[in-house]
Amino acid sequence: MCVCVFSGDHKAFLSVLAAVSLVLIFLLVQRHCSLVSKIALALGLLGVYSYRAAVGNILFPWQHSSRAVS
């Protein structure tokens, strides 16, 4: 049985992993898109990261504690 706890150390690692994954998704998909599509994709991926940080699963780069962002 595996129990996952979002401690500060895990949140830092998950934050980096999420950011790298979203950047890779952007780099792989954007090659075949127009400028407007690239901007929409970037904003959408930024929205995904922001949502995850707002609910407390990951941290923003400037966030030093695991408090939820309001």
N, C-alpha and C. Protein backbone atom coordinates (compact mmCIF):
# COMPACT_ATOMS: atom_id res chain seq x y z
N MET A 1 0.85 -1.17 0.00
CA MET A 1 0.00 0.00 0.00
C MET A 1 0.89 1.23 0.00
N CYS A 2 0.64 2.14 -0.88
CA CYS A 2 1.44 3.36 -1.01
C CYS A 2 0.61 4.56 -0.58
N VAL A 3 1.16 5.35 0.33
CA VAL A 3 0.48 6.55 0.79
C VAL A 3 1.31 7.74 0.36
N CYS A 4 0.75 8.62 -0.44
CA CYS A 4 1.45 9.80 -0.91
C CYS A 4 1.07 11.00 -0.05
N VAL A 5 2.05 11.66 0.50
CA VAL A 5 1.82 12.85 1.32
C VAL A 5 2.53 13.99 0.62
N PHE A 6 1.84 15.13 0.47
CA PHE A 6 2.42 16.27 -0.19
C PHE A 6 3.19 17.11 0.82
N SER A 7 4.39 16.67 1.17
CA SER A 7 5.22 17.45 2.07
C SER A 7 5.91 18.54 1.26
N GLY A 8 6.61 19.43 1.95
CA GLY A 8 7.30 20.52 1.27
C GLY A 8 8.32 20.03 0.27
N ASP A 9 9.08 18.99 0.64
CA ASP A 9 10.09 18.45 -0.27
C ASP A 9 9.45 17.84 -1.51
N HIS A 10 8.36 17.12 -1.30
CA HIS A 10 7.67 16.51 -2.43
C HIS A 10 7.04 17.57 -3.32
N LYS A 11 6.51 18.62 -2.72
CA LYS A 11 5.90 19.69 -3.53
C LYS A 11 6.93 20.39 -4.38
N ALA A 12 8.13 20.59 -3.87
CA ALA A 12 9.18 21.22 -4.67
C ALA A 12 9.53 20.33 -5.86
N PHE A 13 9.68 19.04 -5.62
CA PHE A 13 9.99 18.11 -6.71
C PHE A 13 8.84 18.04 -7.71
N LEU A 14 7.61 17.94 -7.21
CA LEU A 14 6.45 17.89 -8.10
C LEU A 14 6.30 19.18 -8.90
N SER A 15 6.65 20.29 -8.30
CA SER A 15 6.58 21.58 -9.00
C SER A 15 7.53 21.61 -10.18
N VAL A 16 8.76 21.17 -9.95
CA VAL A 16 9.76 21.14 -11.03
C VAL A 16 9.33 20.15 -12.10
N LEU A 17 8.87 18.99 -11.69
CA LEU A 17 8.42 17.98 -12.65
C LEU A 17 7.24 18.48 -13.48
N ALA A 18 6.30 19.15 -12.85
CA ALA A 18 5.14 19.69 -13.58
C ALA A 18 5.57 20.77 -14.56
N ALA A 19 6.45 21.66 -14.13
CA ALA A 19 6.91 22.73 -15.02
C ALA A 19 7.66 22.17 -16.21
N VAL A 20 8.56 21.23 -15.98
CA VAL A 20 9.32 20.63 -17.08
C VAL A 20 8.39 19.89 -18.03
N SER A 21 7.43 19.16 -17.49
CA SER A 21 6.48 18.42 -18.33
C SER A 21 5.66 19.36 -19.21
N LEU A 22 5.18 20.46 -18.64
CA LEU A 22 4.38 21.40 -19.41
C LEU A 22 5.21 22.10 -20.49
N VAL A 23 6.47 22.41 -20.17
CA VAL A 23 7.35 23.01 -21.18
C VAL A 23 7.61 22.02 -22.31
N LEU A 24 7.83 20.75 -21.98
CA LEU A 24 8.03 19.74 -23.02
C LEU A 24 6.79 19.57 -23.89
N ILE A 25 5.62 19.58 -23.29
CA ILE A 25 4.39 19.51 -24.07
C ILE A 25 4.31 20.68 -25.03
N PHE A 26 4.62 21.88 -24.52
CA PHE A 26 4.59 23.06 -25.38
C PHE A 26 5.57 22.92 -26.54
N LEU A 27 6.80 22.49 -26.25
CA LEU A 27 7.82 22.38 -27.29
C LEU A 27 7.46 21.34 -28.34
N LEU A 28 6.85 20.24 -27.92
CA LEU A 28 6.49 19.19 -28.87
C LEU A 28 5.30 19.58 -29.75
N VAL A 29 4.34 20.29 -29.18
CA VAL A 29 3.11 20.61 -29.91
C VAL A 29 3.25 21.87 -30.75
N GLN A 30 3.99 22.85 -30.27
CA GLN A 30 4.02 24.17 -30.91
C GLN A 30 4.66 24.20 -32.30
N ARG A 31 5.41 23.19 -32.65
CA ARG A 31 6.10 23.20 -33.96
C ARG A 31 5.14 23.30 -35.14
N HIS A 32 3.96 22.77 -34.98
CA HIS A 32 3.01 22.72 -36.09
C HIS A 32 1.86 23.70 -35.93
N CYS A 33 2.06 24.72 -35.09
CA CYS A 33 0.97 25.65 -34.79
C CYS A 33 1.27 27.05 -35.30
N SER A 34 0.20 27.80 -35.52
CA SER A 34 0.34 29.21 -35.87
C SER A 34 0.70 30.00 -34.61
N LEU A 35 1.03 31.26 -34.78
CA LEU A 35 1.40 32.11 -33.64
C LEU A 35 0.25 32.21 -32.64
N VAL A 36 -0.96 32.38 -33.13
CA VAL A 36 -2.12 32.49 -32.23
C VAL A 36 -2.31 31.18 -31.46
N SER A 37 -2.14 30.06 -32.12
CA SER A 37 -2.27 28.77 -31.44
C SER A 37 -1.17 28.57 -30.41
N LYS A 38 0.03 29.02 -30.71
CA LYS A 38 1.14 28.92 -29.75
C LYS A 38 0.84 29.74 -28.49
N ILE A 39 0.31 30.93 -28.67
CA ILE A 39 -0.02 31.78 -27.53
C ILE A 39 -1.14 31.14 -26.71
N ALA A 40 -2.16 30.62 -27.38
CA ALA A 40 -3.27 29.97 -26.68
C ALA A 40 -2.78 28.74 -25.92
N LEU A 41 -1.91 27.97 -26.54
CA LEU A 41 -1.34 26.78 -25.89
C LEU A 41 -0.54 27.18 -24.66
N ALA A 42 0.30 28.19 -24.80
CA ALA A 42 1.12 28.65 -23.68
C ALA A 42 0.25 29.14 -22.52
N LEU A 43 -0.78 29.90 -22.83
CA LEU A 43 -1.68 30.40 -21.78
C LEU A 43 -2.45 29.26 -21.13
N GLY A 44 -2.86 28.29 -21.92
CA GLY A 44 -3.57 27.13 -21.37
C GLY A 44 -2.69 26.32 -20.43
N LEU A 45 -1.44 26.08 -20.82
CA LEU A 45 -0.53 25.33 -19.97
C LEU A 45 -0.18 26.12 -18.71
N LEU A 46 -0.04 27.43 -18.85
CA LEU A 46 0.18 28.27 -17.67
C LEU A 46 -1.02 28.21 -16.74
N GLY A 47 -2.21 28.15 -17.31
CA GLY A 47 -3.42 28.01 -16.51
C GLY A 47 -3.46 26.70 -15.75
N VAL A 48 -3.02 25.63 -16.39
CA VAL A 48 -2.97 24.32 -15.72
C VAL A 48 -2.02 24.39 -14.52
N TYR A 49 -0.85 24.95 -14.72
CA TYR A 49 0.13 25.06 -13.64
C TYR A 49 -0.41 25.95 -12.52
N SER A 50 -1.02 27.07 -12.90
CA SER A 50 -1.56 28.00 -11.90
C SER A 50 -2.67 27.36 -11.09
N TYR A 51 -3.52 26.59 -11.73
CA TYR A 51 -4.60 25.90 -11.02
C TYR A 51 -4.01 24.92 -10.01
N ARG A 52 -3.04 24.13 -10.44
CA ARG A 52 -2.44 23.14 -9.54
C ARG A 52 -1.76 23.83 -8.35
N ALA A 53 -1.15 24.99 -8.58
CA ALA A 53 -0.53 25.74 -7.49
C ALA A 53 -1.59 26.35 -6.58
N ALA A 54 -2.69 26.80 -7.14
CA ALA A 54 -3.76 27.42 -6.35
C ALA A 54 -4.43 26.41 -5.42
N VAL A 55 -4.57 25.17 -5.86
CA VAL A 55 -5.19 24.16 -4.99
C VAL A 55 -4.17 23.54 -4.04
N GLY A 56 -2.90 23.91 -4.17
CA GLY A 56 -1.89 23.48 -3.22
C GLY A 56 -1.13 22.22 -3.56
N ASN A 57 -1.29 21.68 -4.76
CA ASN A 57 -0.56 20.47 -5.13
C ASN A 57 0.90 20.73 -5.46
N ILE A 58 1.18 21.89 -6.02
CA ILE A 58 2.54 22.28 -6.38
C ILE A 58 2.77 23.72 -5.93
N LEU A 59 3.98 24.20 -6.06
CA LEU A 59 4.33 25.55 -5.63
C LEU A 59 4.69 26.40 -6.83
N PHE A 60 4.38 27.70 -6.73
CA PHE A 60 4.91 28.64 -7.70
C PHE A 60 6.40 28.80 -7.42
N PRO A 61 7.22 29.16 -8.42
CA PRO A 61 8.66 29.29 -8.18
C PRO A 61 9.01 30.29 -7.08
N TRP A 62 8.21 31.33 -6.89
CA TRP A 62 8.50 32.34 -5.88
C TRP A 62 7.88 32.01 -4.52
N GLN A 63 7.17 30.92 -4.44
CA GLN A 63 6.48 30.52 -3.21
C GLN A 63 7.42 29.67 -2.36
N HIS A 64 7.70 30.10 -1.13
CA HIS A 64 8.65 29.37 -0.29
C HIS A 64 7.99 28.48 0.74
N SER A 65 6.70 28.58 0.89
CA SER A 65 6.01 27.71 1.84
C SER A 65 4.93 26.93 1.11
N SER A 66 4.34 25.98 1.78
CA SER A 66 3.32 25.16 1.14
C SER A 66 1.92 25.72 1.35
N ARG A 67 1.80 26.99 1.75
CA ARG A 67 0.48 27.62 1.90
C ARG A 67 -0.20 27.70 0.54
N ALA A 68 -1.50 27.54 0.55
CA ALA A 68 -2.28 27.69 -0.68
C ALA A 68 -2.27 29.15 -1.12
N VAL A 69 -2.28 29.38 -2.41
CA VAL A 69 -2.31 30.72 -2.96
C VAL A 69 -3.75 31.13 -3.12
N SER A 70 -4.09 32.32 -2.64
CA SER A 70 -5.48 32.77 -2.78
C SER A 70 -5.64 33.61 -4.02
